Amino acid sequence: MQRLSSVLTRVRAETKSAKDPRTIFREFLAHLAGAHRKPAARRAAPKPPPRKRSAKRAK
């Protein structure tokens, strides 16, 4: 619902610049179509290199 509100806000701002209403509606439909797609799978973050062990001190 929040995404719809933000899109409508952008559409209202764009209408002030006298864009073609059909173009705006097509963009709105494109946003809606994008909302139904599954999000892309995220890649796992690379593991940091293993730490080197510190040298043991002699007593």
N, C-alpha and C. Protein backbone atom coordinates (compact mmCIF):
# COMPACT_ATOMS: atom_id res chain seq x y z
N MET A 1 0.83 -1.18 0.00
CA MET A 1 0.00 0.00 0.00
C MET A 1 0.88 1.25 0.00
N GLN A 2 1.97 1.19 0.72
CA GLN A 2 2.88 2.33 0.79
C GLN A 2 3.51 2.58 -0.58
N ARG A 3 3.82 1.51 -1.30
CA ARG A 3 4.40 1.64 -2.63
C ARG A 3 3.40 2.30 -3.58
N LEU A 4 2.13 1.89 -3.49
CA LEU A 4 1.09 2.49 -4.32
C LEU A 4 0.98 3.98 -4.04
N SER A 5 1.04 4.34 -2.77
CA SER A 5 0.97 5.74 -2.39
C SER A 5 2.14 6.53 -2.96
N SER A 6 3.33 5.96 -2.91
CA SER A 6 4.50 6.67 -3.43
C SER A 6 4.42 6.82 -4.95
N VAL A 7 3.90 5.79 -5.64
CA VAL A 7 3.75 5.87 -7.10
C VAL A 7 2.73 6.94 -7.45
N LEU A 8 1.63 6.96 -6.73
CA LEU A 8 0.60 7.97 -7.01
C LEU A 8 1.13 9.37 -6.74
N THR A 9 1.96 9.52 -5.74
CA THR A 9 2.56 10.83 -5.44
C THR A 9 3.44 11.26 -6.60
N ARG A 10 4.23 10.32 -7.13
CA ARG A 10 5.08 10.64 -8.28
C ARG A 10 4.24 10.98 -9.50
N VAL A 11 3.15 10.25 -9.68
CA VAL A 11 2.28 10.51 -10.83
C VAL A 11 1.67 11.90 -10.71
N ARG A 12 1.24 12.27 -9.54
CA ARG A 12 0.67 13.61 -9.35
C ARG A 12 1.71 14.69 -9.63
N ALA A 13 2.94 14.46 -9.22
CA ALA A 13 4.00 15.43 -9.47
C ALA A 13 4.29 15.52 -10.96
N GLU A 14 4.21 14.40 -11.66
CA GLU A 14 4.50 14.40 -13.09
C GLU A 14 3.40 15.05 -13.90
N THR A 15 2.16 14.99 -13.42
CA THR A 15 1.06 15.59 -14.17
C THR A 15 1.20 17.11 -14.19
N LYS A 16 1.85 17.65 -13.21
CA LYS A 16 2.05 19.10 -13.18
C LYS A 16 2.96 19.55 -14.32
N SER A 17 3.83 18.65 -14.79
CA SER A 17 4.73 19.01 -15.88
C SER A 17 4.10 18.72 -17.24
N ALA A 18 2.78 18.46 -17.28
CA ALA A 18 1.99 18.28 -18.49
C ALA A 18 2.45 17.08 -19.33
N LYS A 19 2.70 15.94 -18.69
CA LYS A 19 3.00 14.72 -19.43
C LYS A 19 1.70 14.14 -19.97
N ASP A 20 1.83 13.27 -20.97
CA ASP A 20 0.68 12.62 -21.54
C ASP A 20 0.08 11.66 -20.50
N PRO A 21 -1.21 11.75 -20.20
CA PRO A 21 -1.82 10.88 -19.18
C PRO A 21 -1.69 9.40 -19.51
N ARG A 22 -1.70 9.04 -20.79
CA ARG A 22 -1.56 7.62 -21.15
C ARG A 22 -0.17 7.10 -20.80
N THR A 23 0.83 7.94 -20.97
CA THR A 23 2.19 7.55 -20.62
C THR A 23 2.31 7.31 -19.12
N ILE A 24 1.72 8.19 -18.37
CA ILE A 24 1.75 8.06 -16.90
C ILE A 24 1.05 6.78 -16.48
N PHE A 25 -0.10 6.49 -17.09
CA PHE A 25 -0.85 5.29 -16.74
C PHE A 25 -0.05 4.04 -17.09
N ARG A 26 0.64 4.05 -18.23
CA ARG A 26 1.47 2.90 -18.62
C ARG A 26 2.60 2.70 -17.62
N GLU A 27 3.21 3.79 -17.17
CA GLU A 27 4.27 3.68 -16.16
C GLU A 27 3.73 3.10 -14.86
N PHE A 28 2.53 3.52 -14.49
CA PHE A 28 1.89 3.02 -13.28
C PHE A 28 1.64 1.52 -13.41
N LEU A 29 1.15 1.08 -14.57
CA LEU A 29 0.92 -0.35 -14.78
C LEU A 29 2.22 -1.12 -14.75
N ALA A 30 3.28 -0.53 -15.28
CA ALA A 30 4.59 -1.19 -15.24
C ALA A 30 5.05 -1.38 -13.79
N HIS A 31 4.79 -0.38 -12.95
CA HIS A 31 5.14 -0.51 -11.52
C HIS A 31 4.34 -1.63 -10.87
N LEU A 32 3.06 -1.72 -11.22
CA LEU A 32 2.23 -2.78 -10.65
C LEU A 32 2.70 -4.15 -11.13
N ALA A 33 3.06 -4.27 -12.39
CA ALA A 33 3.54 -5.54 -12.93
C ALA A 33 4.84 -5.95 -12.25
N GLY A 34 5.69 -4.97 -11.95
CA GLY A 34 6.95 -5.26 -11.27
C GLY A 34 6.73 -5.71 -9.84
N ALA A 35 5.64 -5.32 -9.22
CA ALA A 35 5.37 -5.70 -7.84
C ALA A 35 5.02 -7.18 -7.73
N HIS A 36 4.52 -7.78 -8.82
CA HIS A 36 4.12 -9.18 -8.78
C HIS A 36 5.27 -10.13 -9.07
N ARG A 37 6.37 -9.62 -9.55
CA ARG A 37 7.53 -10.47 -9.83
C ARG A 37 8.19 -10.91 -8.54
N LYS A 38 8.81 -12.07 -8.59
CA LYS A 38 9.54 -12.54 -7.42
C LYS A 38 10.84 -11.76 -7.32
N PRO A 39 11.25 -11.41 -6.10
CA PRO A 39 12.52 -10.70 -5.96
C PRO A 39 13.69 -11.61 -6.36
N ALA A 40 14.72 -11.01 -6.89
CA ALA A 40 15.90 -11.76 -7.31
C ALA A 40 16.57 -12.38 -6.08
N ALA A 41 17.12 -13.55 -6.27
CA ALA A 41 17.80 -14.25 -5.16
C ALA A 41 19.06 -13.47 -4.79
N ARG A 42 19.25 -13.31 -3.52
CA ARG A 42 20.43 -12.59 -3.05
C ARG A 42 21.61 -13.53 -2.97
N ARG A 43 22.75 -13.01 -3.31
CA ARG A 43 23.97 -13.81 -3.20
C ARG A 43 24.48 -13.75 -1.78
N ALA A 44 25.07 -14.84 -1.34
CA ALA A 44 25.63 -14.88 0.01
C ALA A 44 26.85 -13.98 0.07
N ALA A 45 27.01 -13.32 1.17
CA ALA A 45 28.17 -12.44 1.36
C ALA A 45 29.45 -13.28 1.39
N PRO A 46 30.52 -12.81 0.77
CA PRO A 46 31.76 -13.60 0.80
C PRO A 46 32.30 -13.69 2.22
N LYS A 47 32.85 -14.86 2.53
CA LYS A 47 33.38 -15.06 3.87
C LYS A 47 34.72 -14.35 4.00
N PRO A 48 34.99 -13.77 5.16
CA PRO A 48 36.29 -13.12 5.36
C PRO A 48 37.39 -14.18 5.43
N PRO A 49 38.60 -13.82 5.05
CA PRO A 49 39.69 -14.82 5.10
C PRO A 49 39.94 -15.24 6.55
N PRO A 50 40.40 -16.48 6.75
CA PRO A 50 40.63 -16.96 8.12
C PRO A 50 41.75 -16.16 8.79
N ARG A 51 41.62 -15.98 10.09
CA ARG A 51 42.63 -15.22 10.83
C ARG A 51 43.87 -16.07 11.08
N LYS A 52 45.01 -15.43 11.07
CA LYS A 52 46.24 -16.15 11.38
C LYS A 52 46.37 -16.23 12.90
N ARG A 53 46.83 -17.37 13.37
CA ARG A 53 47.00 -17.53 14.82
C ARG A 53 48.26 -16.78 15.24
N SER A 54 48.19 -16.17 16.39
CA SER A 54 49.36 -15.45 16.88
C SER A 54 50.42 -16.46 17.36
N ALA A 55 51.66 -16.05 17.29
CA ALA A 55 52.76 -16.92 17.70
C ALA A 55 52.73 -17.09 19.21
N LYS A 56 53.04 -18.28 19.66
CA LYS A 56 53.06 -18.53 21.09
C LYS A 56 54.31 -17.91 21.70
N ARG A 57 54.12 -17.34 22.86
CA ARG A 57 55.26 -16.71 23.55
C ARG A 57 55.99 -17.75 24.38
N ALA A 58 57.31 -17.63 24.45
CA ALA A 58 58.12 -18.51 25.28
C ALA A 58 58.07 -18.01 26.72
N LYS A 59 58.09 -18.90 27.65
CA LYS A 59 58.03 -18.50 29.06
C LYS A 59 59.36 -18.20 29.65
